[in-house]
N, C-alpha and C. Protein backbone atom coordinates (compact mmCIF):
# COMPACT_ATOMS: atom_id res chain seq x y z
N MET A 1 123.16 96.44 73.46
CA MET A 1 121.90 96.75 72.78
C MET A 1 120.98 97.52 73.73
N SER A 2 120.36 98.58 73.23
CA SER A 2 119.47 99.39 74.07
C SER A 2 118.09 98.72 74.19
N ILE A 3 117.63 98.61 75.43
CA ILE A 3 116.29 98.06 75.68
C ILE A 3 115.25 99.17 75.79
N ALA A 4 115.70 100.37 76.18
CA ALA A 4 114.78 101.51 76.29
C ALA A 4 115.49 102.79 75.83
N VAL A 5 114.82 103.54 74.98
CA VAL A 5 115.38 104.79 74.45
C VAL A 5 114.31 105.87 74.53
N VAL A 6 114.63 106.97 75.22
CA VAL A 6 113.74 108.09 75.36
C VAL A 6 114.40 109.31 74.69
N LYS A 7 113.66 109.99 73.82
CA LYS A 7 114.20 111.14 73.11
C LYS A 7 113.23 112.33 73.17
N GLY A 8 113.78 113.50 73.47
CA GLY A 8 113.00 114.75 73.43
C GLY A 8 111.73 114.69 74.25
N LEU A 9 111.80 114.04 75.42
CA LEU A 9 110.60 113.80 76.24
C LEU A 9 110.18 115.02 77.05
N ASN A 10 108.95 115.43 76.85
CA ASN A 10 108.35 116.49 77.66
C ASN A 10 107.02 115.99 78.20
N LYS A 11 106.78 116.30 79.47
CA LYS A 11 105.47 116.07 80.08
C LYS A 11 105.01 117.38 80.68
N ILE A 12 103.93 117.95 80.08
CA ILE A 12 103.48 119.28 80.46
C ILE A 12 102.07 119.19 81.02
N TYR A 13 101.89 119.80 82.19
CA TYR A 13 100.55 119.93 82.76
C TYR A 13 100.11 121.39 82.60
N ARG A 14 98.91 121.58 82.07
CA ARG A 14 98.44 122.93 81.79
C ARG A 14 97.27 123.30 82.71
N ASN A 15 97.31 124.50 83.21
CA ASN A 15 96.23 125.07 84.03
C ASN A 15 95.94 126.47 83.49
N GLY A 16 94.94 126.53 82.61
CA GLY A 16 94.69 127.81 81.94
C GLY A 16 95.85 128.13 81.02
N GLU A 17 96.43 129.29 81.23
CA GLU A 17 97.58 129.69 80.40
C GLU A 17 98.91 129.25 81.01
N MET A 18 98.86 128.70 82.19
CA MET A 18 100.09 128.27 82.85
C MET A 18 100.50 126.89 82.39
N GLU A 19 101.82 126.68 82.24
CA GLU A 19 102.38 125.38 81.88
C GLU A 19 103.40 124.95 82.92
N LEU A 20 103.23 123.72 83.41
CA LEU A 20 104.18 123.15 84.36
C LEU A 20 104.85 121.95 83.72
N TYR A 21 106.17 122.03 83.58
CA TYR A 21 106.93 120.93 82.99
C TYR A 21 107.34 119.93 84.06
N ALA A 22 106.67 118.78 84.04
CA ALA A 22 107.07 117.68 84.94
C ALA A 22 108.35 117.04 84.42
N LEU A 23 108.50 117.00 83.07
CA LEU A 23 109.71 116.53 82.42
C LEU A 23 110.02 117.50 81.28
N ALA A 24 111.31 117.80 81.11
CA ALA A 24 111.70 118.80 80.11
C ALA A 24 112.89 118.28 79.31
N ASP A 25 112.65 118.00 78.01
CA ASP A 25 113.72 117.59 77.10
C ASP A 25 114.58 116.44 77.62
N VAL A 26 113.92 115.43 78.15
CA VAL A 26 114.65 114.30 78.73
C VAL A 26 115.14 113.35 77.64
N GLU A 27 116.41 112.98 77.74
CA GLU A 27 117.01 111.98 76.87
C GLU A 27 117.57 110.88 77.77
N LEU A 28 117.24 109.62 77.49
CA LEU A 28 117.69 108.52 78.33
C LEU A 28 117.82 107.27 77.50
N GLN A 29 118.87 106.51 77.77
CA GLN A 29 119.07 105.24 77.09
C GLN A 29 119.47 104.18 78.14
N VAL A 30 118.75 103.07 78.12
CA VAL A 30 119.03 101.98 79.07
C VAL A 30 119.44 100.75 78.27
N GLU A 31 120.60 100.19 78.61
CA GLU A 31 121.12 99.05 77.87
C GLU A 31 120.57 97.75 78.43
N GLU A 32 120.47 96.75 77.59
CA GLU A 32 119.98 95.43 77.99
C GLU A 32 120.86 94.87 79.09
N GLY A 33 120.24 94.41 80.18
CA GLY A 33 120.96 93.83 81.29
C GLY A 33 121.51 94.83 82.29
N GLU A 34 121.26 96.10 82.06
CA GLU A 34 121.79 97.12 82.94
C GLU A 34 120.89 97.34 84.17
N PHE A 35 121.50 97.76 85.28
CA PHE A 35 120.78 98.17 86.49
C PHE A 35 120.99 99.67 86.64
N VAL A 36 119.93 100.44 86.39
CA VAL A 36 120.00 101.90 86.45
C VAL A 36 119.17 102.42 87.62
N ALA A 37 119.74 103.31 88.38
CA ALA A 37 119.00 103.98 89.45
C ALA A 37 118.72 105.42 89.02
N ILE A 38 117.45 105.81 89.07
CA ILE A 38 117.05 107.17 88.79
C ILE A 38 116.78 107.85 90.14
N VAL A 39 117.57 108.85 90.45
CA VAL A 39 117.49 109.49 91.77
C VAL A 39 117.05 110.94 91.64
N GLY A 40 116.42 111.44 92.69
CA GLY A 40 115.98 112.81 92.71
C GLY A 40 115.08 113.06 93.91
N THR A 41 114.89 114.31 94.26
CA THR A 41 114.05 114.66 95.39
C THR A 41 112.58 114.47 95.03
N SER A 42 111.73 114.56 96.03
CA SER A 42 110.30 114.46 95.79
C SER A 42 109.85 115.55 94.83
N GLY A 43 109.07 115.16 93.82
CA GLY A 43 108.58 116.13 92.84
C GLY A 43 109.56 116.46 91.71
N SER A 44 110.66 115.69 91.65
CA SER A 44 111.69 115.97 90.65
C SER A 44 111.30 115.48 89.25
N GLY A 45 110.34 114.55 89.19
CA GLY A 45 109.92 114.01 87.91
C GLY A 45 110.31 112.57 87.69
N LYS A 46 110.97 111.95 88.68
CA LYS A 46 111.50 110.60 88.51
C LYS A 46 110.38 109.57 88.37
N SER A 47 109.30 109.69 89.16
CA SER A 47 108.19 108.73 89.04
C SER A 47 107.41 108.96 87.74
N THR A 48 107.31 110.22 87.32
CA THR A 48 106.64 110.50 86.04
C THR A 48 107.41 109.85 84.90
N LEU A 49 108.73 109.91 84.95
CA LEU A 49 109.56 109.28 83.92
C LEU A 49 109.35 107.78 83.93
N MET A 50 109.30 107.16 85.12
CA MET A 50 109.11 105.73 85.19
C MET A 50 107.74 105.33 84.64
N ASN A 51 106.71 106.10 84.99
CA ASN A 51 105.38 105.79 84.49
C ASN A 51 105.27 105.88 82.98
N ILE A 52 106.00 106.80 82.39
CA ILE A 52 106.01 106.94 80.93
C ILE A 52 106.80 105.79 80.29
N LEU A 53 107.90 105.42 80.93
CA LEU A 53 108.69 104.28 80.44
C LEU A 53 107.89 102.98 80.45
N GLY A 54 107.02 102.87 81.46
CA GLY A 54 106.23 101.66 81.60
C GLY A 54 104.89 101.68 80.88
N GLY A 55 104.60 102.78 80.17
CA GLY A 55 103.34 102.87 79.44
C GLY A 55 102.15 103.14 80.32
N LEU A 56 102.38 103.59 81.57
CA LEU A 56 101.27 103.94 82.48
C LEU A 56 100.80 105.37 82.24
N ASP A 57 101.64 106.18 81.63
CA ASP A 57 101.30 107.57 81.34
C ASP A 57 101.88 107.92 79.97
N ARG A 58 101.32 108.93 79.36
CA ARG A 58 101.77 109.36 78.03
C ARG A 58 102.51 110.67 78.12
N PRO A 59 103.57 110.83 77.32
CA PRO A 59 104.26 112.12 77.30
C PRO A 59 103.46 113.14 76.48
N THR A 60 103.73 114.41 76.72
CA THR A 60 103.16 115.45 75.89
C THR A 60 103.86 115.52 74.55
N GLU A 61 105.18 115.32 74.57
CA GLU A 61 106.00 115.33 73.38
C GLU A 61 107.12 114.32 73.54
N GLY A 62 107.65 113.84 72.42
CA GLY A 62 108.82 113.00 72.46
C GLY A 62 108.56 111.56 72.07
N SER A 63 109.65 110.78 72.08
CA SER A 63 109.61 109.38 71.66
C SER A 63 110.01 108.51 72.83
N VAL A 64 109.27 107.38 72.98
CA VAL A 64 109.58 106.41 74.03
C VAL A 64 109.56 105.03 73.37
N ARG A 65 110.73 104.38 73.29
CA ARG A 65 110.80 103.07 72.69
C ARG A 65 111.30 102.07 73.70
N VAL A 66 110.59 100.97 73.83
CA VAL A 66 111.01 99.86 74.71
C VAL A 66 111.07 98.61 73.82
N GLY A 67 112.26 98.08 73.66
CA GLY A 67 112.44 96.96 72.72
C GLY A 67 112.10 97.43 71.32
N GLU A 68 111.16 96.74 70.67
CA GLU A 68 110.76 97.10 69.29
C GLU A 68 109.52 97.98 69.29
N PHE A 69 109.01 98.34 70.47
CA PHE A 69 107.73 99.06 70.56
C PHE A 69 107.94 100.56 70.76
N GLU A 70 107.25 101.36 69.93
CA GLU A 70 107.18 102.79 70.12
C GLU A 70 105.89 103.08 70.89
N LEU A 71 106.04 103.42 72.17
CA LEU A 71 104.88 103.53 73.05
C LEU A 71 103.94 104.65 72.67
N THR A 72 104.47 105.73 72.14
CA THR A 72 103.63 106.89 71.82
C THR A 72 102.68 106.62 70.66
N ALA A 73 102.94 105.55 69.90
CA ALA A 73 102.10 105.20 68.76
C ALA A 73 101.03 104.18 69.09
N MET A 74 100.99 103.75 70.37
CA MET A 74 100.10 102.67 70.74
C MET A 74 98.81 103.17 71.39
N SER A 75 97.70 102.43 71.16
CA SER A 75 96.43 102.75 71.80
C SER A 75 96.47 102.30 73.26
N GLN A 76 95.44 102.71 74.03
CA GLN A 76 95.38 102.29 75.43
C GLN A 76 95.29 100.76 75.54
N ASP A 77 94.52 100.14 74.69
CA ASP A 77 94.36 98.68 74.72
C ASP A 77 95.71 98.00 74.38
N GLU A 78 96.39 98.56 73.39
CA GLU A 78 97.71 98.01 73.03
C GLU A 78 98.71 98.17 74.17
N LEU A 79 98.66 99.31 74.84
CA LEU A 79 99.55 99.57 75.97
C LEU A 79 99.29 98.59 77.12
N THR A 80 98.03 98.27 77.34
CA THR A 80 97.67 97.31 78.41
C THR A 80 98.33 95.96 78.15
N VAL A 81 98.19 95.48 76.93
CA VAL A 81 98.82 94.21 76.56
C VAL A 81 100.32 94.30 76.61
N PHE A 82 100.87 95.40 76.11
CA PHE A 82 102.32 95.64 76.13
C PHE A 82 102.86 95.56 77.55
N ARG A 83 102.22 96.26 78.48
CA ARG A 83 102.70 96.27 79.86
C ARG A 83 102.70 94.86 80.45
N ARG A 84 101.63 94.14 80.22
CA ARG A 84 101.49 92.80 80.81
C ARG A 84 102.59 91.84 80.28
N ARG A 85 102.99 92.04 79.04
CA ARG A 85 103.93 91.10 78.40
C ARG A 85 105.38 91.54 78.44
N ASN A 86 105.62 92.83 78.67
CA ASN A 86 106.99 93.35 78.53
C ASN A 86 107.56 94.08 79.73
N ILE A 87 106.71 94.46 80.68
CA ILE A 87 107.17 95.24 81.82
C ILE A 87 106.83 94.53 83.12
N GLY A 88 107.80 94.45 84.01
CA GLY A 88 107.55 93.98 85.37
C GLY A 88 107.58 95.16 86.31
N PHE A 89 106.50 95.40 87.01
CA PHE A 89 106.40 96.53 87.93
C PHE A 89 106.61 96.08 89.37
N ILE A 90 107.36 96.88 90.11
CA ILE A 90 107.52 96.66 91.58
C ILE A 90 107.25 98.02 92.21
N PHE A 91 106.21 98.10 93.05
CA PHE A 91 105.82 99.36 93.65
C PHE A 91 106.13 99.39 95.14
N GLN A 92 106.11 100.58 95.69
CA GLN A 92 106.43 100.79 97.11
C GLN A 92 105.47 100.02 98.02
N ASN A 93 104.19 99.97 97.63
CA ASN A 93 103.18 99.37 98.49
C ASN A 93 102.79 97.96 98.05
N TYR A 94 103.66 97.30 97.28
CA TYR A 94 103.59 95.89 96.92
C TYR A 94 102.45 95.55 95.94
N ASN A 95 101.24 96.14 96.12
CA ASN A 95 100.10 95.90 95.24
C ASN A 95 99.74 94.43 95.09
N LEU A 96 99.77 93.70 96.20
CA LEU A 96 99.38 92.30 96.20
C LEU A 96 97.86 92.19 96.41
N ILE A 97 97.25 91.15 95.88
CA ILE A 97 95.82 90.92 96.02
C ILE A 97 95.60 90.18 97.34
N PRO A 98 94.90 90.78 98.31
CA PRO A 98 94.83 90.19 99.66
C PRO A 98 94.14 88.84 99.75
N VAL A 99 93.21 88.54 98.81
CA VAL A 99 92.48 87.26 98.88
C VAL A 99 93.20 86.14 98.13
N LEU A 100 94.30 86.45 97.47
CA LEU A 100 95.10 85.43 96.78
C LEU A 100 96.34 85.08 97.61
N ASN A 101 96.72 83.81 97.59
CA ASN A 101 97.93 83.45 98.33
C ASN A 101 99.18 83.90 97.57
N VAL A 102 100.32 83.67 98.17
CA VAL A 102 101.58 84.14 97.60
C VAL A 102 101.80 83.64 96.17
N TYR A 103 101.62 82.36 95.95
CA TYR A 103 101.83 81.79 94.61
C TYR A 103 100.83 82.35 93.60
N GLU A 104 99.58 82.48 94.01
CA GLU A 104 98.54 83.01 93.11
C GLU A 104 98.86 84.46 92.74
N ASN A 105 99.41 85.23 93.70
CA ASN A 105 99.81 86.60 93.38
C ASN A 105 100.97 86.61 92.39
N MET A 106 101.88 85.70 92.57
CA MET A 106 103.07 85.65 91.69
C MET A 106 102.69 85.38 90.22
N ILE A 107 101.73 84.48 90.02
CA ILE A 107 101.44 84.05 88.65
C ILE A 107 100.26 84.80 88.05
N LEU A 108 99.66 85.75 88.77
CA LEU A 108 98.48 86.45 88.29
C LEU A 108 98.69 87.10 86.92
N PRO A 109 99.77 87.85 86.68
CA PRO A 109 99.94 88.45 85.33
C PRO A 109 99.97 87.41 84.22
N LEU A 110 100.56 86.24 84.50
CA LEU A 110 100.60 85.19 83.50
C LEU A 110 99.21 84.63 83.22
N LYS A 111 98.42 84.44 84.27
CA LYS A 111 97.06 83.93 84.10
C LYS A 111 96.21 84.91 83.29
N LEU A 112 96.36 86.23 83.61
CA LEU A 112 95.60 87.25 82.91
C LEU A 112 95.93 87.25 81.40
N ASP A 113 97.15 86.87 81.09
CA ASP A 113 97.59 86.86 79.69
C ASP A 113 97.42 85.49 79.05
N GLY A 114 96.90 84.52 79.79
CA GLY A 114 96.69 83.18 79.24
C GLY A 114 97.99 82.43 78.94
N VAL A 115 99.05 82.76 79.68
CA VAL A 115 100.36 82.17 79.46
C VAL A 115 100.60 81.04 80.47
N LYS A 116 101.09 79.93 80.00
CA LYS A 116 101.41 78.80 80.90
C LYS A 116 102.60 79.13 81.78
N VAL A 117 102.49 78.79 83.05
CA VAL A 117 103.56 79.07 83.98
C VAL A 117 104.72 78.10 83.75
N ASP A 118 105.91 78.66 83.67
CA ASP A 118 107.14 77.87 83.58
C ASP A 118 107.47 77.42 85.01
N GLN A 119 107.02 76.21 85.37
CA GLN A 119 107.13 75.75 86.76
C GLN A 119 108.58 75.66 87.24
N GLU A 120 109.45 75.21 86.36
CA GLU A 120 110.86 75.10 86.75
C GLU A 120 111.45 76.48 87.06
N PHE A 121 111.13 77.46 86.24
CA PHE A 121 111.62 78.82 86.47
C PHE A 121 110.97 79.40 87.73
N ALA A 122 109.66 79.13 87.93
CA ALA A 122 108.96 79.63 89.11
C ALA A 122 109.59 79.09 90.38
N GLU A 123 109.93 77.81 90.41
CA GLU A 123 110.54 77.21 91.57
C GLU A 123 111.91 77.81 91.83
N LEU A 124 112.64 78.10 90.78
CA LEU A 124 113.96 78.69 90.92
C LEU A 124 113.86 80.10 91.52
N VAL A 125 112.89 80.88 91.03
CA VAL A 125 112.70 82.25 91.56
C VAL A 125 112.26 82.18 93.03
N ILE A 126 111.33 81.30 93.32
CA ILE A 126 110.81 81.16 94.69
C ILE A 126 111.95 80.78 95.65
N GLN A 127 112.79 79.84 95.23
CA GLN A 127 113.92 79.43 96.07
C GLN A 127 114.92 80.56 96.23
N SER A 128 115.15 81.30 95.15
CA SER A 128 116.14 82.39 95.19
C SER A 128 115.70 83.49 96.16
N LEU A 129 114.40 83.65 96.30
CA LEU A 129 113.84 84.68 97.18
C LEU A 129 113.50 84.15 98.57
N GLY A 130 113.76 82.87 98.81
CA GLY A 130 113.51 82.30 100.13
C GLY A 130 112.06 82.24 100.52
N LEU A 131 111.18 81.97 99.53
CA LEU A 131 109.75 81.97 99.79
C LEU A 131 109.12 80.59 99.73
N GLU A 132 109.96 79.55 99.79
CA GLU A 132 109.43 78.18 99.62
C GLU A 132 108.33 77.85 100.66
N GLU A 133 108.49 78.32 101.86
CA GLU A 133 107.53 77.98 102.93
C GLU A 133 106.37 78.98 103.03
N LYS A 134 106.33 79.93 102.10
CA LYS A 134 105.30 81.00 102.19
C LYS A 134 104.28 80.93 101.05
N VAL A 135 104.44 80.00 100.09
CA VAL A 135 103.67 80.05 98.87
C VAL A 135 102.16 79.94 99.06
N PHE A 136 101.72 79.29 100.15
CA PHE A 136 100.29 79.12 100.36
C PHE A 136 99.71 80.07 101.41
N GLN A 137 100.54 81.02 101.84
CA GLN A 137 100.09 82.01 102.83
C GLN A 137 99.47 83.23 102.13
N LEU A 138 98.62 83.93 102.84
CA LEU A 138 98.04 85.18 102.34
C LEU A 138 98.99 86.33 102.63
N PRO A 139 98.96 87.37 101.82
CA PRO A 139 99.89 88.49 101.98
C PRO A 139 99.89 89.11 103.39
N ASN A 140 98.71 89.19 104.04
CA ASN A 140 98.66 89.87 105.34
C ASN A 140 99.33 89.08 106.46
N THR A 141 99.79 87.85 106.17
CA THR A 141 100.52 87.06 107.15
C THR A 141 102.04 87.25 107.01
N LEU A 142 102.45 88.04 106.03
CA LEU A 142 103.86 88.23 105.74
C LEU A 142 104.37 89.58 106.24
N SER A 143 105.68 89.64 106.51
CA SER A 143 106.30 90.93 106.84
C SER A 143 106.40 91.79 105.57
N GLY A 144 106.72 93.07 105.77
CA GLY A 144 106.87 93.98 104.61
C GLY A 144 107.94 93.49 103.66
N GLY A 145 109.06 93.03 104.20
CA GLY A 145 110.14 92.53 103.34
C GLY A 145 109.73 91.31 102.54
N GLN A 146 108.97 90.43 103.18
CA GLN A 146 108.47 89.23 102.49
C GLN A 146 107.48 89.57 101.40
N GLN A 147 106.59 90.55 101.67
CA GLN A 147 105.64 90.97 100.65
C GLN A 147 106.34 91.58 99.45
N GLN A 148 107.41 92.33 99.71
CA GLN A 148 108.14 92.94 98.59
C GLN A 148 108.84 91.85 97.80
N ARG A 149 109.28 90.76 98.45
CA ARG A 149 109.88 89.65 97.73
C ARG A 149 108.85 88.99 96.80
N VAL A 150 107.61 88.90 97.27
CA VAL A 150 106.55 88.34 96.43
C VAL A 150 106.35 89.23 95.20
N ALA A 151 106.37 90.54 95.41
CA ALA A 151 106.23 91.50 94.29
C ALA A 151 107.37 91.34 93.30
N ILE A 152 108.57 91.10 93.82
CA ILE A 152 109.73 90.90 92.94
C ILE A 152 109.55 89.61 92.12
N ALA A 153 109.11 88.55 92.80
CA ALA A 153 108.86 87.28 92.11
C ALA A 153 107.83 87.47 91.00
N ARG A 154 106.75 88.18 91.30
CA ARG A 154 105.70 88.43 90.32
C ARG A 154 106.26 89.14 89.09
N ALA A 155 107.15 90.09 89.33
CA ALA A 155 107.75 90.85 88.22
C ALA A 155 108.68 89.94 87.39
N LEU A 156 109.40 89.03 88.05
CA LEU A 156 110.34 88.19 87.34
C LEU A 156 109.68 87.08 86.53
N LEU A 157 108.59 86.52 87.05
CA LEU A 157 108.00 85.31 86.44
C LEU A 157 107.51 85.50 85.03
N ALA A 158 107.10 86.71 84.70
CA ALA A 158 106.63 86.97 83.35
C ALA A 158 107.79 87.13 82.34
N LYS A 159 109.02 87.07 82.86
CA LYS A 159 110.25 87.21 82.03
C LYS A 159 110.16 88.48 81.16
N PRO A 160 109.91 89.64 81.80
CA PRO A 160 109.74 90.87 81.03
C PRO A 160 111.04 91.40 80.46
N ALA A 161 110.89 92.23 79.44
CA ALA A 161 112.08 92.88 78.87
C ALA A 161 112.70 93.86 79.85
N LEU A 162 111.85 94.46 80.69
CA LEU A 162 112.28 95.54 81.56
C LEU A 162 111.52 95.47 82.89
N ILE A 163 112.26 95.60 83.99
CA ILE A 163 111.64 95.67 85.32
C ILE A 163 111.79 97.11 85.82
N LEU A 164 110.65 97.71 86.22
CA LEU A 164 110.63 99.07 86.72
C LEU A 164 110.18 99.03 88.19
N ALA A 165 110.99 99.60 89.06
CA ALA A 165 110.68 99.63 90.50
C ALA A 165 110.63 101.06 90.99
N ASP A 166 109.46 101.46 91.51
CA ASP A 166 109.24 102.82 92.00
C ASP A 166 109.31 102.86 93.51
N GLU A 167 110.40 103.38 94.04
CA GLU A 167 110.65 103.46 95.49
C GLU A 167 110.34 102.13 96.16
N PRO A 168 110.96 101.02 95.69
CA PRO A 168 110.60 99.69 96.18
C PRO A 168 110.91 99.44 97.65
N THR A 169 111.72 100.32 98.26
CA THR A 169 112.09 100.13 99.66
C THR A 169 111.45 101.20 100.56
N GLY A 170 110.57 102.01 99.98
CA GLY A 170 109.99 103.13 100.72
C GLY A 170 109.19 102.74 101.95
N SER A 171 108.60 101.54 101.95
CA SER A 171 107.80 101.08 103.08
C SER A 171 108.59 100.15 104.02
N LEU A 172 109.89 100.02 103.78
CA LEU A 172 110.70 99.11 104.55
C LEU A 172 111.70 99.86 105.42
N ASP A 173 112.15 99.20 106.52
CA ASP A 173 113.24 99.77 107.31
C ASP A 173 114.53 99.70 106.51
N SER A 174 115.53 100.46 106.88
CA SER A 174 116.74 100.61 106.08
C SER A 174 117.46 99.27 105.86
N ARG A 175 117.53 98.43 106.90
CA ARG A 175 118.22 97.16 106.76
C ARG A 175 117.50 96.26 105.77
N THR A 176 116.18 96.14 105.92
CA THR A 176 115.39 95.29 105.00
C THR A 176 115.43 95.86 103.60
N GLY A 177 115.40 97.20 103.49
CA GLY A 177 115.46 97.84 102.19
C GLY A 177 116.72 97.52 101.44
N MET A 178 117.87 97.58 102.10
CA MET A 178 119.13 97.25 101.46
C MET A 178 119.18 95.77 101.07
N GLU A 179 118.59 94.91 101.92
CA GLU A 179 118.53 93.50 101.61
C GLU A 179 117.70 93.23 100.34
N VAL A 180 116.56 93.92 100.24
CA VAL A 180 115.69 93.74 99.08
C VAL A 180 116.37 94.25 97.81
N ILE A 181 117.01 95.40 97.87
CA ILE A 181 117.68 95.93 96.69
C ILE A 181 118.84 95.03 96.30
N GLY A 182 119.56 94.49 97.28
CA GLY A 182 120.64 93.56 96.98
C GLY A 182 120.13 92.31 96.26
N LEU A 183 118.97 91.81 96.71
CA LEU A 183 118.35 90.66 96.04
C LEU A 183 117.94 91.01 94.61
N MET A 184 117.36 92.19 94.42
CA MET A 184 116.94 92.62 93.09
C MET A 184 118.15 92.69 92.15
N LYS A 185 119.27 93.19 92.64
CA LYS A 185 120.46 93.28 91.84
C LYS A 185 120.99 91.90 91.46
N VAL A 186 121.07 91.02 92.46
CA VAL A 186 121.58 89.66 92.22
C VAL A 186 120.67 88.90 91.24
N LEU A 187 119.34 89.01 91.45
CA LEU A 187 118.41 88.27 90.60
C LEU A 187 118.34 88.82 89.18
N SER A 188 118.46 90.14 89.04
CA SER A 188 118.45 90.74 87.69
C SER A 188 119.66 90.23 86.90
N GLU A 189 120.81 90.08 87.60
CA GLU A 189 122.00 89.55 86.93
C GLU A 189 121.82 88.05 86.63
N LYS A 190 121.28 87.32 87.61
CA LYS A 190 121.11 85.88 87.48
C LYS A 190 120.17 85.49 86.33
N PHE A 191 119.09 86.28 86.19
CA PHE A 191 118.08 85.96 85.17
C PHE A 191 118.14 86.89 83.98
N HIS A 192 119.24 87.68 83.86
CA HIS A 192 119.51 88.54 82.69
C HIS A 192 118.35 89.54 82.48
N GLN A 193 117.92 90.16 83.54
CA GLN A 193 116.85 91.16 83.47
C GLN A 193 117.44 92.57 83.48
N THR A 194 116.74 93.49 82.83
CA THR A 194 117.12 94.91 82.87
C THR A 194 116.29 95.57 83.95
N LEU A 195 116.95 96.32 84.83
CA LEU A 195 116.30 96.87 86.02
C LEU A 195 116.49 98.36 86.12
N VAL A 196 115.37 99.08 86.24
CA VAL A 196 115.39 100.52 86.49
C VAL A 196 114.70 100.78 87.82
N VAL A 197 115.42 101.39 88.76
CA VAL A 197 114.86 101.65 90.08
C VAL A 197 114.81 103.16 90.32
N VAL A 198 113.63 103.66 90.68
CA VAL A 198 113.46 105.05 91.08
C VAL A 198 113.58 105.12 92.58
N THR A 199 114.45 106.00 93.07
CA THR A 199 114.65 106.12 94.51
C THR A 199 115.17 107.51 94.87
N HIS A 200 114.91 107.91 96.13
CA HIS A 200 115.51 109.13 96.64
C HIS A 200 116.69 108.79 97.56
N ASN A 201 116.95 107.49 97.72
CA ASN A 201 117.96 107.00 98.64
C ASN A 201 119.30 106.81 97.93
N GLU A 202 120.26 107.68 98.22
CA GLU A 202 121.54 107.64 97.53
C GLU A 202 122.32 106.35 97.82
N GLU A 203 122.17 105.81 99.04
CA GLU A 203 122.88 104.60 99.43
C GLU A 203 122.42 103.42 98.55
N ILE A 204 121.12 103.35 98.34
CA ILE A 204 120.55 102.30 97.48
C ILE A 204 121.03 102.51 96.02
N ALA A 205 121.01 103.75 95.59
CA ALA A 205 121.40 104.06 94.21
C ALA A 205 122.84 103.65 93.92
N GLN A 206 123.70 103.68 94.93
CA GLN A 206 125.09 103.33 94.73
C GLN A 206 125.30 101.87 94.34
N LEU A 207 124.28 101.02 94.56
CA LEU A 207 124.39 99.62 94.19
C LEU A 207 124.18 99.39 92.69
N ALA A 208 123.65 100.43 92.01
CA ALA A 208 123.35 100.30 90.59
C ALA A 208 124.60 100.36 89.74
N ASP A 209 124.48 99.89 88.47
CA ASP A 209 125.57 100.03 87.52
C ASP A 209 125.77 101.50 87.13
N ARG A 210 124.65 102.23 87.12
CA ARG A 210 124.69 103.63 86.71
C ARG A 210 123.62 104.42 87.42
N MET A 211 123.95 105.66 87.80
CA MET A 211 123.01 106.52 88.48
C MET A 211 122.64 107.69 87.57
N VAL A 212 121.35 107.93 87.42
CA VAL A 212 120.85 109.03 86.63
C VAL A 212 120.14 109.99 87.57
N ARG A 213 120.59 111.23 87.57
CA ARG A 213 120.00 112.21 88.51
C ARG A 213 119.02 113.13 87.77
N ILE A 214 117.84 113.31 88.35
CA ILE A 214 116.83 114.17 87.74
C ILE A 214 116.37 115.19 88.79
N GLU A 215 116.30 116.44 88.38
CA GLU A 215 115.79 117.54 89.23
C GLU A 215 115.01 118.49 88.36
N ASP A 216 113.86 118.91 88.87
CA ASP A 216 113.00 119.86 88.13
C ASP A 216 112.71 119.38 86.73
N GLY A 217 112.54 118.07 86.60
CA GLY A 217 112.17 117.49 85.30
C GLY A 217 113.27 117.35 84.29
N LYS A 218 114.51 117.64 84.70
CA LYS A 218 115.66 117.57 83.79
C LYS A 218 116.70 116.59 84.30
N ILE A 219 117.27 115.83 83.38
CA ILE A 219 118.34 114.91 83.74
C ILE A 219 119.69 115.67 83.74
N PHE A 220 120.41 115.48 84.86
CA PHE A 220 121.67 116.21 84.99
C PHE A 220 122.91 115.36 84.84
N SER A 221 122.79 114.07 85.16
CA SER A 221 124.04 113.24 85.06
C SER A 221 123.69 111.77 84.95
N GLY A 222 124.63 111.03 84.40
CA GLY A 222 124.56 109.59 84.39
C GLY A 222 125.92 109.06 84.80
N GLU A 223 126.01 108.49 86.04
CA GLU A 223 127.29 108.15 86.61
C GLU A 223 127.38 106.67 86.83
N GLY A 224 128.60 106.13 86.73
CA GLY A 224 128.81 104.76 87.14
C GLY A 224 128.72 104.68 88.64
N ALA A 225 128.17 103.57 89.18
CA ALA A 225 128.03 103.42 90.62
C ALA A 225 129.36 103.13 91.25
């Protein structure tokens, strides 16, 4: 079953009479439970595609469906609620709140949505990520790899339909980066999550079930890892 379907997607930036296609006629389908890596050089359009998939940006043309939701038909307020309830985001710079401890950062999206925390599931995620002894610490006391683990936990705890990770290892050394991606792969399988990772790192992309290559706003291939 497809969890995300993109059809005829164009993202055009206009400057006077000039048109710049950030995305051009993109077609993409992501299956439930799949781990997809979107790879490409800087400026290829991969982050733009992820932002549109996550409802952070709107396409100029085309259809974007995630689960039962057609994102192009939704208002900004509807998209805000949709993102909170259906998408787990993991960013390069972690985006943790410095005045909240690790546990408070993990459950923040749930609190914002007025959803009761599944304590049993939270404990399982925390243990799986090796964060049991860190839950009451502030983010600035953690290493980069530990902060990214907190961001992964935050994405998992809301039990989203889709997890989107934009260069999640970009701020980490290569060893820690591979460890984090390995954890993301194991946990997405363990908790039956669908994972889309945007990266320029081919070694990381090889861990995915499928690799999608994008250059100059166009998708060129979808390969098994």
